[in-house]
Amino acid sequence: MRAQTAPMAGPRTASDNKVSASRSVAFDLLRGVLAKRTPLDEALAAHDGLAKLPERDRGFARLLVATTLRRLGHVDRLIEKCMDKPLPAKAAVVHDVLRLAATELLILGVAPHAAVDSAVNLVRSRGFEPFAKLANAVLRRLDREARGEILTLPATAALPDWLGAGWRAAYGDAVAEAMAAAGFVEPPLDISVKSDPEGWAKKLGATLLPTGTLRRGFDGRIEALPGFTEGAWWVQDMAAALPVQLLGPVAGRRVVDLCAAPGGKTAQLAAAGAEVLAIDRSKPRLQRLERNLARLGLAAVTKVADVTEMRLDEPADRILLDAPCSATGTIRRHPDIPWLKRAEDLATLTELQDRLLANAARMLAPGGVLVFCTCSLEPSEGVERAEAALAANPDLKRHPIRPDEVGGLGELITAQGDLRSRPDQLANLGGIDGFYACRLVRA
């Protein structure tokens, strides 16, 4: 994997013993994810110091923490090899400083003196002076010995063991490696538009993908792009936009969007002319959905309810269930996910998905269509849940998806007729998030 190039962190002098502001922010963000289990997006939004950095340094801080999370398994293995004994638990802060500096040295190609000196200063600034010499020695050894070795590590070794092993078991070694490697690369920006995709592709300098999504590079503030303020479009990965298309024509139809927040699919449905009832159990998340719709000039009826237990006034003809899941299909966009989730979380999530599917099936009218989807790569959160729902509801039948419903991309359709996208697919188009969707029809 070719090393990514980091923005310059700024000039240094021989007397400069201050902590690099951008590296200090990156450290806070990494600690927020790994020690406090805060999603990276939330940590970025909450960090006051990030907004105060110059734009170049903000970009460096974001790149540094995101790349460290993408390659955390790799840098941890190499740090461990360069230490005679593990750091004590009380020095977890030092470990995180080493992780960031190792990423600078081995992946981002930052000059050794800048990466090492800044790390040592950061260790001292956080009250760990006794570990400063150790940090210096470990990083110097990494610089000498690990540059070639990191290129030989399996891509799945960058993930937690449970996740890498699960992918190998489900997809085979070669595909698992390709999926993991796809997560090393910053993804493009995907956009859904209310109308005139060809026109907006020209205005945004974007490529119009076969499925109707616009794709462009990400190079600054999204809010500054043409059409954002006017509400002409919203950010939504190509894969996430596909499940709505599986409902068929929705103009004038009542569509129930279950677990709807933050609302990308609700916006799709409303833009297509559907009468949308958007339901979510979280009032704050539903309020965020309402704000998003207001910016876009779109309308939907919203309702706060527990989707596992609620009932509708009358059965629904079209239901979309985008169920809560481990979100492992979105790792290339959210590199914190592998380190926020645990293997044991899957059992809780799959039990919830079964309950959601069971209640969605009860709300479906005869002849109605239910699309179940998750942004997960785990079979237990995809096809296994669909099969369980079919077994529990004899009057439900799978309605196979056709290639023309997904832009002619037949490689995204399984032998059973479900949607299964993987991050190693469509590399010629810039890749795609991992998503699963099954279309069910009540007899």
Protein backbone atom coordinates (compact mmCIF):
# COMPACT_ATOMS: atom_id res chain seq x y z
CA MET A 1 0.00 0.00 0.00
CA ARG A 2 1.51 3.33 -1.03
CA ALA A 3 2.14 5.67 1.87
CA GLN A 4 -0.20 8.61 2.12
CA THR A 5 1.35 12.06 2.11
CA ALA A 6 0.68 14.21 5.13
CA PRO A 7 0.35 17.97 5.02
CA MET A 8 3.41 19.69 6.47
CA ALA A 9 3.03 20.21 10.20
CA GLY A 10 4.79 23.58 10.11
CA PRO A 11 8.41 24.73 10.54
CA ARG A 12 10.38 23.83 13.66
CA THR A 13 13.48 25.29 15.24
CA ALA A 14 16.16 23.76 17.44
CA SER A 15 14.71 25.56 20.46
CA ASP A 16 11.14 24.56 19.74
CA ASN A 17 10.11 22.31 22.65
CA LYS A 18 6.43 23.15 22.46
CA VAL A 19 3.78 20.55 21.79
CA SER A 20 2.50 20.58 18.22
CA ALA A 21 -1.07 21.89 18.45
CA SER A 22 -2.34 19.66 15.65
CA ARG A 23 -0.77 16.57 17.22
CA SER A 24 -2.17 17.50 20.61
CA VAL A 25 -5.66 17.69 19.10
CA ALA A 26 -5.13 14.37 17.29
CA PHE A 27 -4.09 12.82 20.61
CA ASP A 28 -7.26 14.10 22.32
CA LEU A 29 -9.39 12.70 19.51
CA LEU A 30 -7.69 9.30 19.61
CA ARG A 31 -8.09 9.12 23.39
CA GLY A 32 -11.74 10.07 22.99
CA VAL A 33 -12.34 7.11 20.70
CA LEU A 34 -10.20 4.48 22.41
CA ALA A 35 -10.47 5.43 26.09
CA LYS A 36 -13.89 7.09 26.23
CA ARG A 37 -15.49 5.13 23.36
CA THR A 38 -16.74 8.30 21.71
CA PRO A 39 -17.51 8.07 17.97
CA LEU A 40 -14.92 10.01 16.02
CA ASP A 41 -17.51 12.27 14.36
CA GLU A 42 -18.77 13.30 17.80
CA ALA A 43 -15.24 13.83 19.11
CA LEU A 44 -14.42 16.02 16.11
CA ALA A 45 -17.55 18.11 16.59
CA ALA A 46 -16.99 18.54 20.32
CA HIS A 47 -13.28 19.48 20.32
CA ASP A 48 -13.00 23.25 20.72
CA GLY A 49 -9.31 23.28 19.85
CA LEU A 50 -9.83 21.71 16.44
CA ALA A 51 -11.81 24.68 15.12
CA LYS A 52 -9.09 27.08 16.33
CA LEU A 53 -6.36 25.43 14.27
CA PRO A 54 -5.40 26.82 10.85
CA GLU A 55 -7.09 24.90 8.04
CA ARG A 56 -3.90 23.05 7.09
CA ASP A 57 -3.33 21.90 10.67
CA ARG A 58 -6.98 20.86 11.07
CA GLY A 59 -6.57 18.67 8.02
CA PHE A 60 -3.39 17.16 9.43
CA ALA A 61 -5.03 16.39 12.80
CA ARG A 62 -7.99 14.70 11.12
CA LEU A 63 -5.76 12.73 8.77
CA LEU A 64 -3.47 11.62 11.57
CA VAL A 65 -6.18 10.30 13.88
CA ALA A 66 -8.18 8.69 11.06
CA THR A 67 -5.12 6.95 9.61
CA THR A 68 -4.06 5.75 13.05
CA LEU A 69 -7.49 4.17 13.54
CA ARG A 70 -7.41 2.64 10.03
CA ARG A 71 -4.06 0.99 10.74
CA LEU A 72 -4.27 0.54 14.51
CA GLY A 73 -3.75 -3.21 14.47
CA HIS A 74 -0.62 -2.77 12.37
CA VAL A 75 0.99 -0.04 14.45
CA ASP A 76 0.19 -1.88 17.69
CA ARG A 77 1.95 -5.03 16.46
CA LEU A 78 5.03 -3.09 15.41
CA ILE A 79 5.19 -1.04 18.61
CA GLU A 80 4.96 -4.25 20.63
CA LYS A 81 7.91 -5.75 18.71
CA CYS A 82 10.03 -2.69 19.50
CA MET A 83 9.47 -2.86 23.26
CA ASP A 84 11.16 -5.22 25.70
CA LYS A 85 8.05 -5.33 27.87
CA PRO A 86 4.54 -3.89 27.65
CA LEU A 87 3.81 -0.45 29.02
CA PRO A 88 2.07 -0.47 32.40
CA ALA A 89 -1.65 0.19 32.40
CA LYS A 90 -1.07 3.61 33.97
CA ALA A 91 0.87 4.63 30.85
CA ALA A 92 -1.94 4.12 28.34
CA VAL A 93 -1.49 7.77 27.40
CA VAL A 94 2.08 7.03 26.28
CA HIS A 95 0.84 4.12 24.18
CA ASP A 96 -1.56 6.41 22.32
CA VAL A 97 1.22 8.95 21.67
CA LEU A 98 3.36 6.13 20.25
CA ARG A 99 0.47 5.02 18.02
CA LEU A 100 0.14 8.45 16.48
CA ALA A 101 3.87 8.89 15.99
CA ALA A 102 4.23 5.40 14.49
CA THR A 103 1.51 6.29 11.99
CA GLU A 104 3.39 9.45 11.06
CA LEU A 105 6.65 7.58 10.58
CA LEU A 106 5.48 4.41 8.86
CA ILE A 107 2.39 5.45 6.89
CA LEU A 108 2.21 9.21 6.43
CA GLY A 109 5.90 9.67 5.68
CA VAL A 110 6.48 12.53 8.14
CA ALA A 111 10.17 13.35 8.71
CA PRO A 112 11.52 11.31 11.65
CA HIS A 113 12.81 14.32 13.62
CA ALA A 114 9.39 16.01 13.46
CA ALA A 115 7.42 12.89 14.40
CA VAL A 116 9.76 11.71 17.17
CA ASP A 117 10.48 15.09 18.75
CA SER A 118 6.80 16.03 18.77
CA ALA A 119 5.85 12.70 20.36
CA VAL A 120 8.44 13.06 23.11
CA ASN A 121 7.23 16.59 23.82
CA LEU A 122 3.65 15.34 23.93
CA VAL A 123 4.57 12.58 26.40
CA ARG A 124 6.21 15.17 28.66
CA SER A 125 3.34 17.62 28.37
CA ARG A 126 0.89 14.98 29.56
CA GLY A 127 2.84 14.36 32.77
CA PHE A 128 4.77 11.26 31.72
CA GLU A 129 8.35 12.57 31.80
CA PRO A 130 9.72 9.21 33.07
CA PHE A 131 8.58 7.62 29.78
CA ALA A 132 10.09 10.24 27.48
CA LYS A 133 13.35 8.37 26.87
CA LEU A 134 11.45 5.13 26.28
CA ALA A 135 9.18 6.82 23.75
CA ASN A 136 12.20 8.22 21.93
CA ALA A 137 13.93 4.83 21.85
CA VAL A 138 10.86 2.93 20.63
CA LEU A 139 10.17 5.41 17.85
CA ARG A 140 13.80 5.48 16.71
CA ARG A 141 13.74 1.69 16.55
CA LEU A 142 10.46 1.73 14.60
CA ASP A 143 12.01 4.15 12.14
CA ARG A 144 15.02 1.85 11.65
CA GLU A 145 13.34 -1.54 11.62
CA ALA A 146 9.63 -1.36 10.81
CA ARG A 147 9.39 0.61 7.57
CA GLY A 148 9.63 -2.50 5.42
CA GLU A 149 7.75 -4.78 7.79
CA ILE A 150 4.53 -2.77 7.76
CA LEU A 151 4.27 -3.44 4.02
CA THR A 152 4.26 -7.20 4.65
CA LEU A 153 1.45 -7.33 7.23
CA PRO A 154 -1.91 -8.77 6.12
CA ALA A 155 -4.52 -6.07 5.68
CA THR A 156 -6.88 -7.89 8.06
CA ALA A 157 -4.22 -7.58 10.77
CA ALA A 158 -5.09 -3.87 10.95
CA LEU A 159 -8.51 -4.88 12.34
CA PRO A 160 -9.46 -6.32 15.72
CA ASP A 161 -8.89 -10.10 15.68
CA TRP A 162 -12.61 -10.94 15.96
CA LEU A 163 -13.51 -8.83 12.95
CA GLY A 164 -10.72 -10.00 10.67
CA ALA A 165 -11.39 -13.63 11.54
CA GLY A 166 -15.10 -13.19 10.89
CA TRP A 167 -14.49 -11.72 7.45
CA ARG A 168 -12.10 -14.52 6.50
CA ALA A 169 -14.66 -17.12 7.59
CA ALA A 170 -17.51 -15.43 5.72
CA TYR A 171 -15.78 -14.34 2.51
CA GLY A 172 -12.51 -16.26 2.26
CA ASP A 173 -8.99 -14.96 2.76
CA ALA A 174 -8.60 -13.13 -0.56
CA VAL A 175 -11.86 -11.17 -0.36
CA ALA A 176 -11.36 -10.41 3.34
CA GLU A 177 -7.92 -9.00 2.56
CA ALA A 178 -9.31 -6.87 -0.25
CA MET A 179 -12.13 -5.54 1.96
CA ALA A 180 -9.70 -4.65 4.74
CA ALA A 181 -7.28 -2.96 2.34
CA ALA A 182 -10.12 -0.87 0.91
CA GLY A 183 -10.54 0.59 4.38
CA PHE A 184 -7.06 2.11 4.28
CA VAL A 185 -8.04 4.65 1.64
CA GLU A 186 -9.94 7.89 2.22
CA PRO A 187 -13.29 7.48 0.42
CA PRO A 188 -14.74 9.97 -2.07
CA LEU A 189 -17.68 12.21 -1.30
CA ASP A 190 -21.01 10.76 -2.45
CA ILE A 191 -24.02 12.99 -2.99
CA SER A 192 -27.75 12.40 -3.57
CA VAL A 193 -29.60 15.19 -5.37
CA LYS A 194 -33.27 16.10 -5.34
CA SER A 195 -33.35 16.54 -9.11
CA ASP A 196 -31.25 17.21 -12.22
CA PRO A 197 -28.30 14.90 -11.43
CA GLU A 198 -26.59 15.70 -14.74
CA GLY A 199 -26.74 19.43 -14.08
CA TRP A 200 -25.47 19.13 -10.53
CA ALA A 201 -22.68 16.81 -11.62
CA LYS A 202 -21.36 19.64 -13.79
CA LYS A 203 -21.79 22.29 -11.09
CA LEU A 204 -20.03 20.15 -8.48
CA GLY A 205 -17.33 18.76 -10.73
CA ALA A 206 -18.65 15.29 -9.91
CA THR A 207 -19.08 12.01 -11.75
CA LEU A 208 -22.60 10.67 -12.22
CA LEU A 209 -22.51 7.02 -11.17
CA PRO A 210 -24.72 4.36 -12.81
CA THR A 211 -27.03 4.29 -9.80
CA GLY A 212 -27.70 8.06 -9.88
CA THR A 213 -25.31 9.04 -7.08
CA LEU A 214 -22.85 11.89 -7.70
CA ARG A 215 -19.23 11.31 -6.68
CA ARG A 216 -16.38 13.77 -6.26
CA GLY A 217 -13.23 14.20 -4.22
CA PHE A 218 -13.44 15.56 -0.71
CA ASP A 219 -11.39 18.74 -0.43
CA GLY A 220 -12.69 21.05 2.26
CA ARG A 221 -15.93 22.07 3.94
CA ILE A 222 -18.99 20.36 2.54
CA GLU A 223 -21.12 23.36 3.44
CA ALA A 224 -19.10 25.53 1.05
CA LEU A 225 -19.97 23.48 -2.04
CA PRO A 226 -22.53 24.82 -4.54
CA GLY A 227 -26.08 23.82 -3.74
CA PHE A 228 -25.64 22.88 -0.09
CA THR A 229 -27.13 26.04 1.37
CA GLU A 230 -29.93 25.96 -1.19
CA GLY A 231 -30.79 22.40 -0.15
CA ALA A 232 -30.22 20.84 -3.56
CA TRP A 233 -28.45 17.75 -2.23
CA TRP A 234 -27.27 15.76 0.76
CA VAL A 235 -24.31 13.49 1.50
CA GLN A 236 -25.13 9.78 1.17
CA ASP A 237 -22.94 6.88 0.15
CA MET A 238 -23.77 5.16 -3.13
CA ALA A 239 -24.64 1.92 -1.30
CA ALA A 240 -26.89 3.64 1.24
CA ALA A 241 -28.95 5.11 -1.59
CA LEU A 242 -29.79 1.73 -3.14
CA PRO A 243 -32.39 0.28 -0.71
CA VAL A 244 -34.95 3.00 -1.46
CA GLN A 245 -34.75 2.12 -5.15
CA LEU A 246 -35.83 -1.43 -4.29
CA LEU A 247 -39.26 -0.20 -3.18
CA GLY A 248 -40.13 0.61 -6.79
CA PRO A 249 -42.02 3.77 -7.83
CA VAL A 250 -43.15 5.59 -4.68
CA ALA A 251 -44.65 8.83 -6.01
CA GLY A 252 -47.99 9.33 -4.31
CA ARG A 253 -47.54 6.23 -2.15
CA ARG A 254 -47.49 6.15 1.63
CA VAL A 255 -44.11 4.77 2.72
CA VAL A 256 -43.18 3.98 6.31
CA ASP A 257 -39.50 4.55 7.06
CA LEU A 258 -38.56 2.66 10.22
CA CYS A 259 -35.44 3.59 12.23
CA ALA A 260 -35.36 6.58 9.91
CA ALA A 261 -32.79 8.94 11.49
CA PRO A 262 -30.60 10.67 10.43
CA GLY A 263 -32.78 10.76 7.33
CA GLY A 264 -30.89 10.20 4.09
CA LYS A 265 -33.39 7.59 2.93
CA THR A 266 -36.31 9.69 4.18
CA ALA A 267 -35.04 12.51 1.98
CA GLN A 268 -34.81 10.15 -1.00
CA LEU A 269 -38.38 9.02 -0.50
CA ALA A 270 -39.71 12.56 -0.06
CA ALA A 271 -37.80 13.80 -3.10
CA ALA A 272 -39.34 10.95 -5.12
CA GLY A 273 -42.84 12.12 -4.19
CA ALA A 274 -43.68 9.63 -1.45
CA GLU A 275 -45.88 10.45 1.52
CA VAL A 276 -43.37 9.48 4.19
CA LEU A 277 -43.97 8.52 7.80
CA ALA A 278 -40.50 8.57 9.38
CA ILE A 279 -40.28 6.75 12.71
CA ASP A 280 -37.38 6.54 15.16
CA ARG A 281 -37.16 5.83 18.86
CA SER A 282 -34.69 8.69 19.48
CA LYS A 283 -36.24 12.15 19.70
CA PRO A 284 -32.89 13.97 19.28
CA ARG A 285 -32.04 11.91 16.19
CA LEU A 286 -35.50 12.53 14.77
CA GLN A 287 -35.07 16.26 15.38
CA ARG A 288 -31.83 16.07 13.41
CA LEU A 289 -33.78 14.39 10.59
CA GLU A 290 -36.32 17.22 10.69
CA ARG A 291 -33.54 19.82 10.45
CA ASN A 292 -32.04 17.99 7.49
CA LEU A 293 -35.40 17.88 5.71
CA ALA A 294 -35.96 21.59 6.42
CA ARG A 295 -32.64 22.48 4.77
CA LEU A 296 -33.61 20.39 1.76
CA GLY A 297 -37.11 21.85 1.52
CA LEU A 298 -38.64 18.37 1.85
CA ALA A 299 -41.51 17.17 4.01
CA ALA A 300 -42.29 14.03 5.99
CA VAL A 301 -44.45 13.16 8.96
CA THR A 302 -42.25 12.15 11.90
CA LYS A 303 -43.04 10.05 14.93
CA VAL A 304 -41.06 9.05 18.01
CA ALA A 305 -41.82 5.40 18.80
CA ASP A 306 -40.24 2.07 19.71
CA VAL A 307 -40.23 0.30 16.36
CA THR A 308 -40.11 -3.14 18.01
CA GLU A 309 -43.54 -2.61 19.62
CA MET A 310 -45.46 0.16 17.83
CA ARG A 311 -48.51 -0.34 15.64
CA LEU A 312 -49.80 1.58 12.65
CA ASP A 313 -53.35 2.82 12.24
CA GLU A 314 -53.57 0.70 9.09
CA PRO A 315 -51.22 -1.77 7.37
CA ALA A 316 -48.53 -0.23 5.17
CA ASP A 317 -48.07 -0.92 1.48
CA ARG A 318 -44.37 0.02 1.51
CA ILE A 319 -41.99 -0.29 4.47
CA LEU A 320 -38.29 0.45 4.64
CA LEU A 321 -36.41 -0.93 7.66
CA ASP A 322 -32.83 0.30 7.92
CA ALA A 323 -32.02 -1.54 11.11
CA PRO A 324 -29.41 -0.57 13.70
CA CYS A 325 -26.30 -2.70 13.21
CA SER A 326 -22.55 -2.92 13.78
CA ALA A 327 -22.01 -0.63 10.73
CA THR A 328 -18.90 -2.58 9.69
CA GLY A 329 -19.72 -1.81 6.06
CA THR A 330 -18.90 1.87 6.66
CA ILE A 331 -15.40 1.44 8.09
CA ARG A 332 -13.74 3.28 5.23
CA ARG A 333 -15.82 6.34 6.18
CA HIS A 334 -15.80 5.70 9.92
CA PRO A 335 -12.46 4.08 10.89
CA ASP A 336 -13.37 4.22 14.58
CA ILE A 337 -16.06 1.55 14.18
CA PRO A 338 -13.83 -1.52 14.59
CA TRP A 339 -12.57 -0.13 17.90
CA LEU A 340 -15.97 0.96 19.23
CA LYS A 341 -17.67 -2.39 18.53
CA ARG A 342 -17.02 -5.74 20.18
CA ALA A 343 -17.75 -9.28 19.06
CA GLU A 344 -20.34 -9.64 21.81
CA ASP A 345 -22.28 -6.66 20.44
CA LEU A 346 -23.42 -8.76 17.48
CA ALA A 347 -25.67 -10.98 19.60
CA THR A 348 -27.50 -7.95 21.01
CA LEU A 349 -27.84 -6.35 17.60
CA THR A 350 -29.09 -9.44 15.81
CA GLU A 351 -31.71 -10.02 18.51
CA LEU A 352 -32.89 -6.44 18.01
CA GLN A 353 -32.95 -6.87 14.24
CA ASP A 354 -35.15 -9.96 14.59
CA ARG A 355 -37.61 -8.04 16.76
CA LEU A 356 -37.67 -5.12 14.32
CA LEU A 357 -38.26 -7.43 11.37
CA ALA A 358 -41.01 -9.29 13.18
CA ASN A 359 -42.91 -6.11 13.93
CA ALA A 360 -42.32 -4.66 10.47
CA ALA A 361 -43.80 -7.85 9.00
CA ARG A 362 -46.88 -7.44 11.22
CA MET A 363 -47.37 -3.90 9.89
CA LEU A 364 -47.13 -4.92 6.20
CA ALA A 365 -50.31 -5.06 4.14
CA PRO A 366 -51.09 -8.04 1.85
CA GLY A 367 -49.15 -7.52 -1.36
CA GLY A 368 -46.97 -4.96 0.39
CA VAL A 369 -43.21 -4.64 0.01
CA LEU A 370 -40.74 -4.61 2.91
CA VAL A 371 -37.09 -3.76 2.28
CA PHE A 372 -34.79 -4.76 5.14
CA CYS A 373 -31.25 -3.38 5.08
CA THR A 374 -28.16 -2.90 7.21
CA CYS A 375 -24.81 -1.20 6.61
CA SER A 376 -23.02 -4.29 7.92
CA LEU A 377 -20.70 -6.81 6.30
CA GLU A 378 -21.56 -9.46 8.88
CA PRO A 379 -23.77 -12.29 7.51
CA SER A 380 -25.42 -12.52 10.93
CA GLU A 381 -26.76 -8.99 10.38
CA GLY A 382 -27.79 -9.59 6.79
CA VAL A 383 -28.82 -12.72 5.00
CA GLU A 384 -29.16 -14.72 8.23
CA ARG A 385 -31.71 -12.24 9.56
CA ALA A 386 -33.65 -12.31 6.31
CA GLU A 387 -33.71 -16.10 6.32
CA ALA A 388 -34.90 -16.09 9.92
CA ALA A 389 -37.71 -13.68 9.03
CA LEU A 390 -38.78 -15.83 6.08
CA ALA A 391 -38.80 -18.93 8.28
CA ALA A 392 -40.88 -17.18 10.94
CA ASN A 393 -43.37 -15.69 8.44
CA PRO A 394 -44.54 -18.24 5.83
CA ASP A 395 -46.60 -15.57 4.06
CA LEU A 396 -43.44 -13.54 3.34
CA LYS A 397 -41.59 -14.28 0.12
CA ARG A 398 -38.28 -12.99 -1.14
CA HIS A 399 -38.64 -10.78 -4.22
CA PRO A 400 -35.27 -11.01 -6.02
CA ILE A 401 -33.52 -7.79 -7.01
CA ARG A 402 -32.74 -7.20 -10.69
CA PRO A 403 -29.50 -5.67 -12.00
CA ASP A 404 -31.43 -2.82 -13.67
CA GLU A 405 -32.67 -1.73 -10.24
CA VAL A 406 -29.09 -1.07 -9.10
CA GLY A 407 -27.69 0.68 -12.15
CA GLY A 408 -26.92 -2.54 -13.99
CA LEU A 409 -24.32 -3.51 -11.36
CA GLY A 410 -25.11 -7.21 -11.26
CA GLU A 411 -22.05 -7.98 -9.15
CA LEU A 412 -23.88 -6.42 -6.19
CA ILE A 413 -26.64 -9.06 -6.31
CA THR A 414 -26.28 -12.41 -4.54
CA ALA A 415 -27.37 -15.80 -5.83
CA GLN A 416 -30.50 -15.49 -3.64
CA GLY A 417 -31.39 -12.17 -5.25
CA ASP A 418 -30.38 -9.90 -2.37
CA LEU A 419 -28.17 -6.82 -2.44
CA ARG A 420 -24.69 -7.36 -1.00
CA SER A 421 -22.09 -4.66 -1.64
CA ARG A 422 -18.53 -4.86 -0.32
CA PRO A 423 -15.85 -2.16 -0.02
CA ASP A 424 -13.52 -4.03 -2.39
CA GLN A 425 -16.07 -3.87 -5.22
CA LEU A 426 -16.35 -1.19 -7.93
CA ALA A 427 -12.77 -0.07 -7.40
CA ASN A 428 -12.81 1.46 -10.90
CA LEU A 429 -15.57 3.79 -9.70
CA GLY A 430 -13.95 4.61 -6.37
CA GLY A 431 -15.38 1.79 -4.27
CA ILE A 432 -18.59 1.40 -2.30
CA ASP A 433 -19.60 0.90 1.31
CA GLY A 434 -20.69 -2.51 2.54
CA PHE A 435 -24.47 -2.88 2.54
CA TYR A 436 -27.04 -5.65 2.66
CA ALA A 437 -30.67 -5.43 1.55
CA CYS A 438 -33.42 -8.00 1.03
CA ARG A 439 -36.82 -7.31 -0.51
CA LEU A 440 -39.73 -9.20 1.03
CA VAL A 441 -43.34 -9.28 -0.18
CA ARG A 442 -46.39 -10.38 1.81
CA ALA A 443 -48.60 -12.85 -0.07
